[in-house]
Amino acid sequence: MAGRRPAGGRWGAPSGGSPPCRAAPLALLLCLLPAACPGAAPPALNDTEPIVLEGKCLVVCDSSPSADGAITSSLGISVRSGSAKVAFSATRSTNHEPSEMSNRTMTIYFDQVLVNIGNHFDLASSIFVAPRKGIYSFSFHVVKVYNRQTIQVSLMQNGYPVISAFAGDQDVTREAASNGVLLLMEREDKVHLKLERGNLMGGWKYSTFSGFLVFPL
């Protein structure tokens, strides 16, 4: 039915004394007939504005977010949850020589996790797996210790180098190859650090690798 201005020129609750709509503490509120909600807009004043109907509000609740941070209602409507957070930071706490596996894959491994919100960084493989599509920020600082060789460290996305950093000063006992980047990642994309040049025979204590989800897409 078309919207009508009630007698007295005021808009309010629908006839019959129905209580006003109240916001639910959960994810999704659908005002199917918005004239029943307090503060609803008055009816259209010209042909370009929508017609406001009288009626009641329907609240659809679902407190179980999906794995990618979306919340799906019983009506099949999906909304993003603002509480889906992803972040990690790992460090190298010892100066042990590279292992046989490290020498074979040239992966730069870490042995301590400082932050791992969402548990998407695997310490054993030192690989981060994106839980959802979005823009991610990554940074790394790989320290070479008592090593006169120039090292090149690359950030690898799905096996391909994206950015690199170098450290080659022969007159210092410690020097870091550092860089940072924003990446567009799809769900289940993988990121890790690889030693592309040189060696870490003196160890890489105090090295760090960090990343977080800036915003989902």
Protein backbone atom coordinates (compact mmCIF):
# COMPACT_ATOMS: atom_id res chain seq x y z
CA MET A 1 0.00 0.00 0.00
CA ALA A 2 1.13 3.57 -0.68
CA GLY A 3 2.54 5.68 2.13
CA ARG A 4 0.14 8.11 3.85
CA ARG A 5 0.82 10.93 6.26
CA PRO A 6 -1.24 10.24 9.42
CA ALA A 7 -3.65 12.76 10.80
CA GLY A 8 -1.85 15.54 12.61
CA GLY A 9 1.04 15.57 10.12
CA ARG A 10 3.33 13.31 12.23
CA TRP A 11 4.96 9.99 11.44
CA GLY A 12 5.32 7.33 14.08
CA ALA A 13 4.58 3.71 14.93
CA PRO A 14 2.07 1.82 12.78
CA SER A 15 -1.53 1.57 13.83
CA GLY A 16 -2.44 -1.04 16.39
CA GLY A 17 0.03 0.10 19.01
CA SER A 18 2.92 -2.10 17.80
CA PRO A 19 6.12 -1.32 19.68
CA PRO A 20 8.96 0.41 17.79
CA CYS A 21 11.77 -1.68 16.29
CA ARG A 22 14.85 -2.17 18.43
CA ALA A 23 18.32 -3.02 17.06
CA ALA A 24 19.43 -6.60 17.67
CA PRO A 25 22.86 -7.15 19.25
CA LEU A 26 23.79 -9.42 16.36
CA ALA A 27 24.81 -9.05 12.78
CA LEU A 28 21.88 -8.32 10.51
CA LEU A 29 18.80 -6.07 10.80
CA LEU A 30 16.41 -5.97 7.88
CA CYS A 31 13.78 -3.25 7.95
CA LEU A 32 11.57 -4.74 5.30
CA LEU A 33 8.96 -2.04 5.80
CA PRO A 34 10.92 0.89 7.20
CA ALA A 35 8.03 3.21 8.11
CA ALA A 36 7.62 1.20 11.31
CA CYS A 37 11.10 2.15 12.55
CA PRO A 38 11.62 5.33 14.59
CA GLY A 39 13.19 8.06 12.50
CA ALA A 40 12.08 6.56 9.19
CA ALA A 41 12.04 8.94 6.26
CA PRO A 42 8.73 10.59 5.30
CA PRO A 43 7.03 9.52 2.08
CA ALA A 44 8.38 10.51 -1.29
CA LEU A 45 7.97 14.13 -2.23
CA ASN A 46 8.69 13.60 -5.90
CA ASP A 47 8.87 10.81 -8.46
CA THR A 48 12.58 10.17 -7.95
CA GLU A 49 12.29 9.11 -4.30
CA PRO A 50 11.10 5.67 -3.15
CA ILE A 51 7.67 5.17 -1.66
CA VAL A 52 7.78 4.40 2.07
CA LEU A 53 5.37 1.71 3.24
CA GLU A 54 3.91 1.22 6.66
CA GLY A 55 4.69 -2.04 8.40
CA LYS A 56 7.01 -3.79 10.84
CA CYS A 57 10.70 -4.67 11.01
CA LEU A 58 12.08 -8.18 10.70
CA VAL A 59 15.26 -9.07 12.59
CA VAL A 60 17.35 -11.91 11.17
CA CYS A 61 20.08 -13.19 13.52
CA ASP A 62 22.99 -15.55 13.02
CA SER A 63 25.78 -15.61 15.59
CA SER A 64 27.94 -18.17 13.74
CA PRO A 65 30.40 -16.52 11.34
CA SER A 66 31.85 -18.60 8.55
CA ALA A 67 35.55 -19.38 8.18
CA ASP A 68 36.23 -16.34 6.01
CA GLY A 69 34.63 -13.91 8.46
CA ALA A 70 31.24 -13.63 6.75
CA ILE A 71 27.95 -14.11 8.55
CA THR A 72 25.16 -15.82 6.63
CA SER A 73 21.55 -15.47 7.74
CA SER A 74 18.84 -18.07 7.40
CA LEU A 75 17.60 -16.12 4.37
CA GLY A 76 20.90 -16.66 2.57
CA ILE A 77 22.07 -13.06 3.01
CA SER A 78 25.79 -12.72 3.75
CA VAL A 79 27.47 -9.79 5.49
CA ARG A 80 31.09 -9.26 6.51
CA SER A 81 32.07 -9.46 10.14
CA GLY A 82 34.28 -6.63 11.36
CA SER A 83 35.74 -8.90 14.01
CA ALA A 84 37.69 -11.12 11.57
CA LYS A 85 41.30 -10.18 12.39
CA VAL A 86 44.49 -11.67 10.92
CA ALA A 87 48.03 -10.83 12.07
CA PHE A 88 51.32 -12.59 12.77
CA SER A 89 54.86 -11.79 13.80
CA ALA A 90 57.68 -14.32 14.06
CA THR A 91 61.30 -13.99 15.15
CA ARG A 92 64.54 -15.94 15.19
CA SER A 93 65.66 -16.31 18.81
CA THR A 94 68.83 -18.40 18.27
CA ASN A 95 71.95 -18.21 16.16
CA HIS A 96 71.99 -21.87 15.08
CA GLU A 97 73.45 -22.67 11.71
CA PRO A 98 71.01 -23.38 8.85
CA SER A 99 69.64 -26.92 8.90
CA GLU A 100 69.88 -29.36 6.00
CA MET A 101 66.27 -28.57 5.10
CA SER A 102 66.99 -24.86 5.15
CA ASN A 103 70.02 -25.29 2.91
CA ARG A 104 67.97 -27.37 0.47
CA THR A 105 64.88 -25.14 0.19
CA MET A 106 66.61 -21.84 1.03
CA THR A 107 63.55 -20.99 3.11
CA ILE A 108 64.32 -18.65 6.01
CA TYR A 109 62.88 -20.35 9.09
CA PHE A 110 61.77 -18.78 12.35
CA ASP A 111 61.57 -20.46 15.75
CA GLN A 112 59.35 -18.21 17.87
CA VAL A 113 55.91 -16.70 17.27
CA LEU A 114 55.17 -13.39 18.97
CA VAL A 115 51.70 -12.85 17.50
CA ASN A 116 49.53 -15.24 15.50
CA ILE A 117 45.95 -13.95 15.45
CA GLY A 118 43.88 -16.47 13.52
CA ASN A 119 46.72 -19.06 13.51
CA HIS A 120 47.42 -18.62 9.79
CA PHE A 121 51.22 -18.58 10.17
CA ASP A 122 52.74 -22.05 10.41
CA LEU A 123 55.94 -21.90 12.46
CA ALA A 124 57.33 -25.27 11.31
CA SER A 125 57.27 -24.28 7.63
CA SER A 126 57.47 -20.51 8.32
CA ILE A 127 54.72 -20.00 5.72
CA PHE A 128 51.71 -17.69 6.02
CA VAL A 129 48.48 -18.82 4.33
CA ALA A 130 45.86 -16.16 3.59
CA PRO A 131 42.46 -17.11 5.07
CA ARG A 132 40.53 -14.81 2.72
CA LYS A 133 40.90 -12.45 -0.21
CA GLY A 134 42.15 -9.03 0.79
CA ILE A 135 44.97 -6.52 0.99
CA TYR A 136 47.79 -7.69 3.28
CA SER A 137 50.84 -5.88 4.63
CA PHE A 138 54.16 -7.71 5.07
CA SER A 139 57.56 -6.66 6.36
CA PHE A 140 60.80 -8.49 7.13
CA HIS A 141 64.24 -7.85 8.65
CA VAL A 142 66.73 -10.67 8.08
CA VAL A 143 69.96 -10.18 10.01
CA LYS A 144 73.25 -11.74 8.92
CA VAL A 145 75.75 -12.28 11.72
CA TYR A 146 79.56 -12.26 11.27
CA ASN A 147 79.06 -12.91 7.57
CA ARG A 148 80.91 -10.96 4.90
CA GLN A 149 78.85 -12.34 2.04
CA THR A 150 76.14 -10.27 0.40
CA ILE A 151 72.72 -11.80 0.98
CA GLN A 152 69.53 -11.33 -1.01
CA VAL A 153 66.21 -12.09 0.70
CA SER A 154 62.99 -12.30 -1.30
CA LEU A 155 59.37 -12.32 -0.20
CA MET A 156 57.77 -15.19 -2.10
CA GLN A 157 54.07 -15.28 -3.01
CA ASN A 158 52.96 -18.70 -4.27
CA GLY A 159 56.55 -19.55 -5.16
CA TYR A 160 57.36 -16.34 -7.04
CA PRO A 161 59.50 -13.45 -5.73
CA VAL A 162 57.59 -10.21 -5.16
CA ILE A 163 60.16 -7.97 -3.48
CA SER A 164 63.79 -8.40 -2.41
CA ALA A 165 66.25 -6.79 -0.01
CA PHE A 166 70.04 -6.91 0.19
CA ALA A 167 72.68 -6.72 2.91
CA GLY A 168 76.32 -6.64 1.85
CA ASP A 169 78.41 -4.44 4.15
CA GLN A 170 81.60 -6.38 5.00
CA ASP A 171 82.70 -4.08 7.82
CA VAL A 172 79.89 -4.72 10.32
CA THR A 173 79.19 -7.74 12.50
CA ARG A 174 75.43 -7.52 11.98
CA GLU A 175 73.41 -6.12 9.11
CA ALA A 176 69.76 -6.54 8.09
CA ALA A 177 68.12 -6.98 4.72
CA SER A 178 64.75 -5.22 5.18
CA ASN A 179 61.72 -4.44 3.07
CA GLY A 180 57.92 -4.17 3.19
CA VAL A 181 54.99 -4.34 0.79
CA LEU A 182 51.20 -4.39 0.39
CA LEU A 183 49.87 -7.39 -1.53
CA LEU A 184 46.54 -8.38 -3.01
CA MET A 185 46.07 -12.00 -1.95
CA GLU A 186 43.46 -14.59 -2.75
CA ARG A 187 42.27 -17.12 -0.22
CA GLU A 188 44.93 -19.82 0.42
CA ASP A 189 47.72 -17.81 -1.22
CA LYS A 190 51.05 -18.53 0.51
CA VAL A 191 53.87 -16.19 1.52
CA HIS A 192 57.34 -16.98 2.92
CA LEU A 193 60.91 -15.67 2.88
CA LYS A 194 63.62 -17.18 0.70
CA LEU A 195 67.38 -16.67 0.68
CA GLU A 196 68.11 -16.04 -3.00
CA ARG A 197 71.81 -15.21 -2.66
CA GLY A 198 74.58 -15.76 -0.13
CA ASN A 199 74.28 -17.78 3.06
CA LEU A 200 73.37 -17.36 6.71
CA MET A 201 76.16 -19.51 8.11
CA GLY A 202 76.63 -17.14 11.06
CA GLY A 203 72.96 -17.49 11.95
CA TRP A 204 70.15 -14.96 11.72
CA LYS A 205 69.22 -14.19 15.32
CA TYR A 206 66.91 -11.17 15.84
CA SER A 207 65.44 -11.56 12.34
CA THR A 208 61.69 -10.91 12.09
CA PHE A 209 58.84 -11.59 9.66
CA SER A 210 55.44 -9.94 10.16
CA GLY A 211 52.16 -9.46 8.34
CA PHE A 212 48.52 -8.57 8.80
CA LEU A 213 45.25 -8.18 6.93
CA VAL A 214 44.70 -4.50 6.12
CA PHE A 215 41.14 -4.99 4.84
CA PRO A 216 39.16 -7.80 3.18
CA LEU A 217 37.79 -7.69 -0.36
